[in-house]
């Protein structure tokens, strides 16, 4: 699958997830086989307004950290959300060129991804995210403006539609392709469904038939079997893994092995807990003690899914006051497992 000037062997992507797909998580998923990642969503309006403030040029900004791209992360897209075409275009150009206050990137992104799928109330109440599914003309204007402002690929993440009565992903995808989109990722749920179990693979299939650009399927991919079923039933060019990778970055390896016809065994508990510990330390290095600890707890809890004694361990992790305490909890959990065997 080709995106702009890069080619992905298996079209295997990590989805953007607000508050989750930070640099530490992206790097871990990349190490386990994710071929392409997307940043947490960046507010186009916030980034542009940060340029117009009177604060010192070196003062910290919210957008700078969220939009960070480093050489070892490529290929990678930065995701923008907003509804004003001119603001979206300005933000996209600034990110593509590294021309914004607070920029800490050491590389330029492979693509600008436009968010038309976020279902969160505070986003859609501003007419952004999946609310744009109800305004196809504006959605196309945004893509056209962004594509005209940058010299890299422009991709879009959409949903099946706003609700069950307005499934319009195929028609919208056609408009977006005409406006200059290089790829469309389809989360096969409506905004009304939020993240409830169950997706409509037929919507992805219809989008694939409607456009000539690559189509990536997203939703309910927790196993290699899920990914294979999505590909076989929709004809999509790639898959985008989201919540299935939480605490399980090995899912990318599992899917790759399935695509290549190789066996893939179960991950030992010691390996899982070692990765949880490494992930935690990566967040400490990236975000510092206070923020890193607060955000690492949920990741560690995800790694414990299905582990014997996980409920008590997760509770202890959430009450922990230091990285050392969490490390001790993980060590004790492994010891108890080994003694039980």
Protein backbone atom coordinates (compact mmCIF):
# COMPACT_ATOMS: atom_id res chain seq x y z
CA UNK A 1 0.00 0.00 0.00
CA UNK A 2 1.36 3.41 -0.97
CA UNK A 3 0.91 6.68 0.90
CA UNK A 4 2.51 9.59 -0.88
CA UNK A 5 6.11 8.53 -1.47
CA UNK A 6 6.22 5.60 0.97
CA UNK A 7 5.11 1.99 0.62
CA UNK A 8 3.91 -0.27 3.41
CA UNK A 9 4.45 -4.01 2.97
CA UNK A 10 1.31 -5.03 4.87
CA UNK A 11 -0.62 -1.79 5.36
CA UNK A 12 -0.48 -2.29 9.13
CA UNK A 13 -1.14 0.91 11.08
CA UNK A 14 -1.55 2.16 14.61
CA UNK A 15 -4.63 4.35 14.92
CA UNK A 16 -4.52 7.81 16.52
CA UNK A 17 -5.97 7.71 20.05
CA UNK A 18 -6.24 10.85 22.16
CA UNK A 19 -4.44 10.45 25.46
CA UNK A 20 -2.96 7.13 24.36
CA UNK A 21 -0.94 7.16 21.14
CA UNK A 22 1.86 9.35 22.47
CA UNK A 23 5.45 8.93 21.37
CA UNK A 24 6.28 6.21 23.90
CA UNK A 25 3.34 4.07 22.78
CA UNK A 26 3.98 4.71 19.08
CA UNK A 27 7.60 3.60 19.42
CA UNK A 28 6.65 0.41 21.24
CA UNK A 29 4.05 -0.49 18.61
CA UNK A 30 6.56 0.28 15.86
CA UNK A 31 9.04 -2.10 17.52
CA UNK A 32 6.40 -4.83 17.40
CA UNK A 33 5.50 -4.42 13.75
CA UNK A 34 3.31 -1.35 13.24
CA UNK A 35 4.45 -0.03 9.87
CA UNK A 36 2.85 3.39 10.21
CA UNK A 37 1.61 5.46 13.13
CA UNK A 38 -0.50 8.58 13.62
CA UNK A 39 -0.12 11.17 16.37
CA UNK A 40 -2.71 12.12 18.93
CA UNK A 41 -5.03 14.72 17.43
CA UNK A 42 -3.80 18.31 17.38
CA UNK A 43 -6.19 21.26 17.40
CA UNK A 44 -5.54 23.33 14.28
CA UNK A 45 -7.04 26.38 15.95
CA UNK A 46 -4.90 26.00 19.06
CA UNK A 47 -1.72 25.61 17.04
CA UNK A 48 -2.46 28.67 14.93
CA UNK A 49 -3.50 30.81 17.88
CA UNK A 50 -0.34 29.85 19.76
CA UNK A 51 1.62 31.54 16.99
CA UNK A 52 -0.21 34.82 17.54
CA UNK A 53 0.33 35.14 21.29
CA UNK A 54 2.88 37.48 22.84
CA UNK A 55 4.69 34.87 24.90
CA UNK A 56 8.39 34.25 24.40
CA UNK A 57 9.23 32.19 21.35
CA UNK A 58 10.79 29.45 23.50
CA UNK A 59 7.89 29.15 25.93
CA UNK A 60 6.14 25.74 25.97
CA UNK A 61 3.01 25.09 23.94
CA UNK A 62 0.46 22.29 24.01
CA UNK A 63 0.62 21.68 20.27
CA UNK A 64 4.39 21.41 20.07
CA UNK A 65 4.57 18.18 22.06
CA UNK A 66 1.51 16.62 20.42
CA UNK A 67 2.79 17.31 16.92
CA UNK A 68 6.33 16.07 17.59
CA UNK A 69 7.86 13.88 14.87
CA UNK A 70 11.28 12.27 15.06
CA UNK A 71 13.32 10.54 12.40
CA UNK A 72 13.04 7.11 14.04
CA UNK A 73 9.22 7.32 13.95
CA UNK A 74 8.84 7.68 10.19
CA UNK A 75 6.63 6.92 8.38
CA UNK A 76 4.18 8.79 10.58
CA UNK A 77 1.30 11.24 10.18
CA UNK A 78 0.28 14.15 12.39
CA UNK A 79 -3.48 14.33 12.85
CA UNK A 80 -5.31 17.66 12.86
CA UNK A 81 -8.87 18.47 13.85
CA UNK A 82 -10.88 21.59 13.13
CA UNK A 83 -13.59 22.92 10.81
CA UNK A 84 -12.27 26.16 9.29
CA UNK A 85 -10.52 25.37 5.98
CA UNK A 86 -8.15 28.33 6.21
CA UNK A 87 -7.14 27.49 9.80
CA UNK A 88 -6.67 23.82 8.93
CA UNK A 89 -4.55 24.78 5.93
CA UNK A 90 -2.35 27.11 7.97
CA UNK A 91 -1.84 24.51 10.71
CA UNK A 92 -1.06 21.80 8.17
CA UNK A 93 1.50 23.98 6.40
CA UNK A 94 3.18 24.91 9.67
CA UNK A 95 3.43 21.29 10.78
CA UNK A 96 4.64 20.10 7.39
CA UNK A 97 7.37 22.73 7.41
CA UNK A 98 8.14 22.73 11.14
CA UNK A 99 7.24 26.42 11.15
CA UNK A 100 5.51 26.90 14.49
CA UNK A 101 6.43 28.04 17.96
CA UNK A 102 7.13 25.16 20.29
CA UNK A 103 8.20 22.81 17.48
CA UNK A 104 10.40 20.04 18.88
CA UNK A 105 10.31 17.80 15.82
CA UNK A 106 13.52 16.55 14.25
CA UNK A 107 11.76 15.30 11.10
CA UNK A 108 8.80 16.23 8.96
CA UNK A 109 5.68 14.04 8.95
CA UNK A 110 4.91 11.64 6.13
CA UNK A 111 1.35 12.95 5.93
CA UNK A 112 -1.20 15.25 7.47
CA UNK A 113 -4.20 13.26 8.68
CA UNK A 114 -7.54 15.03 9.09
CA UNK A 115 -9.83 13.89 11.87
CA UNK A 116 -13.44 13.45 10.77
CA UNK A 117 -14.14 10.57 13.12
CA UNK A 118 -13.78 11.69 16.74
CA UNK A 119 -17.15 11.19 18.48
CA UNK A 120 -16.35 13.01 21.74
CA UNK A 121 -19.01 15.53 22.71
CA UNK A 122 -16.67 18.49 23.28
CA UNK A 123 -15.26 17.99 19.76
CA UNK A 124 -18.49 17.42 17.84
CA UNK A 125 -20.25 20.24 19.71
CA UNK A 126 -17.88 22.59 17.89
CA UNK A 127 -18.73 21.02 14.54
CA UNK A 128 -15.39 19.18 14.42
CA UNK A 129 -14.43 15.51 14.29
CA UNK A 130 -17.29 13.23 13.24
CA UNK A 131 -19.66 16.22 13.08
CA UNK A 132 -18.10 16.87 9.66
CA UNK A 133 -19.78 13.70 8.42
CA UNK A 134 -22.96 15.82 8.37
CA UNK A 135 -21.30 18.54 6.26
CA UNK A 136 -19.74 16.77 3.25
CA UNK A 137 -19.21 19.98 1.29
CA UNK A 138 -17.29 21.59 4.15
CA UNK A 139 -15.37 18.35 4.69
CA UNK A 140 -14.24 18.42 1.08
CA UNK A 141 -13.34 22.12 1.32
CA UNK A 142 -11.10 21.34 4.31
CA UNK A 143 -9.26 18.58 2.44
CA UNK A 144 -8.89 20.79 -0.63
CA UNK A 145 -7.45 23.64 1.44
CA UNK A 146 -5.02 21.39 3.29
CA UNK A 147 -3.91 19.57 0.13
CA UNK A 148 -3.24 22.92 -1.49
CA UNK A 149 -1.14 24.10 1.43
CA UNK A 150 1.29 21.18 1.80
CA UNK A 151 3.58 19.09 -0.37
CA UNK A 152 3.02 15.86 1.52
CA UNK A 153 0.14 13.37 1.48
CA UNK A 154 -3.20 14.30 3.01
CA UNK A 155 -5.19 11.47 4.56
CA UNK A 156 -8.58 11.45 6.28
CA UNK A 157 -10.11 9.31 9.03
CA UNK A 158 -13.89 9.09 8.84
CA UNK A 159 -16.73 7.05 10.34
CA UNK A 160 -19.54 5.14 8.67
CA UNK A 161 -21.79 8.14 9.18
CA UNK A 162 -23.38 10.26 11.87
CA UNK A 163 -26.08 7.73 12.78
CA UNK A 164 -27.84 4.68 11.35
CA UNK A 165 -30.09 6.91 9.24
CA UNK A 166 -27.19 8.76 7.60
CA UNK A 167 -24.57 6.24 6.50
CA UNK A 168 -22.64 8.32 3.99
CA UNK A 169 -19.01 7.16 4.16
CA UNK A 170 -18.88 6.00 0.50
CA UNK A 171 -20.25 9.28 -0.86
CA UNK A 172 -18.06 11.34 1.45
CA UNK A 173 -14.97 9.34 0.51
CA UNK A 174 -15.61 10.16 -3.15
CA UNK A 175 -15.76 13.86 -2.34
CA UNK A 176 -12.57 13.64 -0.28
CA UNK A 177 -10.71 11.85 -3.06
CA UNK A 178 -11.78 14.52 -5.56
CA UNK A 179 -10.59 17.19 -3.11
CA UNK A 180 -7.09 15.72 -2.91
CA UNK A 181 -7.07 13.03 -0.21
CA UNK A 182 -4.41 10.35 -0.75
CA UNK A 183 -5.97 7.78 1.60
CA UNK A 184 -9.11 7.34 3.67
CA UNK A 185 -9.36 5.30 6.87
CA UNK A 186 -12.86 4.13 7.76
CA UNK A 187 -13.91 3.45 11.34
CA UNK A 188 -16.87 1.21 10.59
CA UNK A 189 -19.18 2.62 13.26
CA UNK A 190 -21.40 5.69 13.26
CA UNK A 191 -20.82 8.57 15.63
CA UNK A 192 -23.98 7.50 17.45
CA UNK A 193 -22.42 4.09 18.15
CA UNK A 194 -19.34 5.65 19.74
CA UNK A 195 -17.17 2.58 20.55
CA UNK A 196 -19.87 -0.02 21.25
CA UNK A 197 -18.99 -3.53 20.04
CA UNK A 198 -19.95 -4.41 16.49
CA UNK A 199 -18.86 -2.82 13.21
CA UNK A 200 -20.27 -2.73 9.69
CA UNK A 201 -17.71 -4.29 7.36
CA UNK A 202 -20.02 -3.63 4.44
CA UNK A 203 -19.42 0.11 4.82
CA UNK A 204 -15.67 -0.36 4.37
CA UNK A 205 -16.37 -2.54 1.34
CA UNK A 206 -18.60 0.15 -0.18
CA UNK A 207 -15.96 2.83 0.38
CA UNK A 208 -13.36 0.59 -1.27
CA UNK A 209 -15.58 0.26 -4.33
CA UNK A 210 -16.28 3.99 -4.43
CA UNK A 211 -12.71 5.32 -4.58
CA UNK A 212 -9.39 4.54 -6.24
CA UNK A 213 -7.17 5.76 -3.38
CA UNK A 214 -6.11 3.30 -0.63
CA UNK A 215 -8.77 2.45 1.94
CA UNK A 216 -7.83 1.38 5.46
CA UNK A 217 -10.30 -0.45 7.71
CA UNK A 218 -10.61 0.30 11.41
CA UNK A 219 -12.68 -1.13 14.25
CA UNK A 220 -12.81 -4.23 16.48
CA UNK A 221 -9.39 -5.63 15.54
CA UNK A 222 -8.24 -7.61 18.56
CA UNK A 223 -6.72 -10.66 16.86
CA UNK A 224 -5.06 -11.62 13.60
CA UNK A 225 -8.29 -13.38 12.70
CA UNK A 226 -10.18 -10.08 13.02
CA UNK A 227 -7.70 -8.36 10.70
CA UNK A 228 -7.89 -11.18 8.16
CA UNK A 229 -11.69 -11.15 8.19
CA UNK A 230 -11.75 -7.40 7.60
CA UNK A 231 -9.38 -7.66 4.65
CA UNK A 232 -11.15 -10.63 3.08
CA UNK A 233 -14.68 -9.26 3.45
CA UNK A 234 -13.98 -5.66 2.45
CA UNK A 235 -10.99 -5.74 0.09
CA UNK A 236 -9.42 -2.91 2.10
CA UNK A 237 -5.76 -2.11 1.46
CA UNK A 238 -4.71 -2.06 5.09
CA UNK A 239 -5.93 -2.21 8.67
CA UNK A 240 -5.66 0.31 11.47
CA UNK A 241 -5.40 -1.13 14.97
CA UNK A 242 -6.65 0.92 17.92
CA UNK A 243 -7.83 -0.45 21.28
CA UNK A 244 -6.67 -3.96 20.39
CA UNK A 245 -3.08 -2.76 20.85
CA UNK A 246 -3.64 -1.46 24.39
CA UNK A 247 -1.44 -3.59 26.57
CA UNK A 248 -0.88 -5.85 23.56
CA UNK A 249 1.57 -4.32 21.07
CA UNK A 250 2.37 -7.90 20.02
CA UNK A 251 -0.89 -7.82 18.05
CA UNK A 252 1.06 -6.25 15.17
CA UNK A 253 3.48 -9.19 15.20
CA UNK A 254 0.57 -11.63 15.32
CA UNK A 255 -1.13 -10.01 12.31
CA UNK A 256 2.14 -9.90 10.36
CA UNK A 257 2.80 -13.58 11.06
CA UNK A 258 -0.73 -14.45 9.89
CA UNK A 259 -0.29 -12.47 6.68
CA UNK A 260 3.02 -14.22 6.02
CA UNK A 261 1.67 -17.68 6.85
CA UNK A 262 3.76 -18.15 9.99
CA UNK A 263 2.76 -19.54 13.37
CA UNK A 264 2.68 -17.17 16.30
CA UNK A 265 2.76 -18.39 19.88
CA UNK A 266 1.46 -17.00 23.16
CA UNK A 267 3.49 -14.26 24.85
CA UNK A 268 4.98 -15.41 28.20
CA UNK A 269 3.95 -13.43 31.29
CA UNK A 270 7.55 -12.46 31.99
CA UNK A 271 7.80 -10.87 28.54
CA UNK A 272 4.51 -9.01 28.99
CA UNK A 273 5.53 -7.61 32.37
CA UNK A 274 9.00 -6.65 31.12
CA UNK A 275 7.39 -4.71 28.27
CA UNK A 276 5.00 -3.00 30.70
CA UNK A 277 8.01 -1.94 32.75
CA UNK A 278 9.88 -0.65 29.68
CA UNK A 279 6.79 1.22 28.55
CA UNK A 280 6.50 2.82 31.97
CA UNK A 281 10.14 3.93 31.94
CA UNK A 282 9.74 5.34 28.42
CA UNK A 283 6.87 7.48 29.67
CA UNK A 284 9.00 8.67 32.59
CA UNK A 285 11.74 9.70 30.15
CA UNK A 286 9.28 11.43 27.84
CA UNK A 287 7.00 13.16 30.33
CA UNK A 288 8.74 13.35 33.67
CA UNK A 289 7.81 11.92 37.06
CA UNK A 290 4.44 13.58 37.71
CA UNK A 291 2.77 13.39 34.29
CA UNK A 292 4.55 10.20 33.28
CA UNK A 293 3.41 8.34 36.39
CA UNK A 294 -0.20 9.50 36.07
CA UNK A 295 -0.43 8.45 32.43
CA UNK A 296 1.61 5.23 32.75
CA UNK A 297 -0.82 3.68 35.22
CA UNK A 298 -3.52 3.02 32.64
CA UNK A 299 -1.01 1.46 30.25
CA UNK A 300 0.36 -0.87 32.92
CA UNK A 301 -3.20 -1.85 33.81
CA UNK A 302 -3.85 -2.77 30.18
CA UNK A 303 -0.81 -5.04 30.10
CA UNK A 304 -2.30 -6.99 33.02
CA UNK A 305 -5.48 -7.94 31.16
CA UNK A 306 -6.18 -11.65 31.59
CA UNK A 307 -3.34 -12.19 34.06
CA UNK A 308 -4.11 -14.17 37.20
CA UNK A 309 -4.36 -11.75 40.11
CA UNK A 310 -4.73 -8.81 37.75
CA UNK A 311 -7.64 -7.14 39.57
CA UNK A 312 -5.71 -6.66 42.82
CA UNK A 313 -2.56 -5.69 40.92
CA UNK A 314 -4.40 -3.07 38.85
CA UNK A 315 -5.91 -1.59 41.99
CA UNK A 316 -2.46 -1.38 43.59
CA UNK A 317 -1.01 0.20 40.43
CA UNK A 318 -3.66 2.91 40.43
CA UNK A 319 -2.85 3.77 44.05
CA UNK A 320 0.91 3.79 43.49
CA UNK A 321 2.84 6.97 44.18
CA UNK A 322 6.03 6.16 42.32
CA UNK A 323 7.43 4.20 39.40
CA UNK A 324 9.36 2.09 41.90
CA UNK A 325 6.13 0.97 43.55
CA UNK A 326 4.66 -0.09 40.22
CA UNK A 327 7.87 -1.97 39.42
CA UNK A 328 7.57 -3.86 42.70
CA UNK A 329 3.95 -4.77 41.95
CA UNK A 330 4.93 -6.20 38.57
CA UNK A 331 7.81 -8.14 40.12
CA UNK A 332 5.55 -9.60 42.82
CA UNK A 333 2.94 -10.57 40.23
CA UNK A 334 5.55 -12.49 38.25
CA UNK A 335 6.87 -14.22 41.36
CA UNK A 336 3.39 -15.29 42.40
CA UNK A 337 2.76 -16.68 38.92
CA UNK A 338 6.00 -18.66 38.92
CA UNK A 339 5.34 -20.04 42.40
CA UNK A 340 1.82 -21.00 41.36
CA UNK A 341 3.21 -23.05 38.51
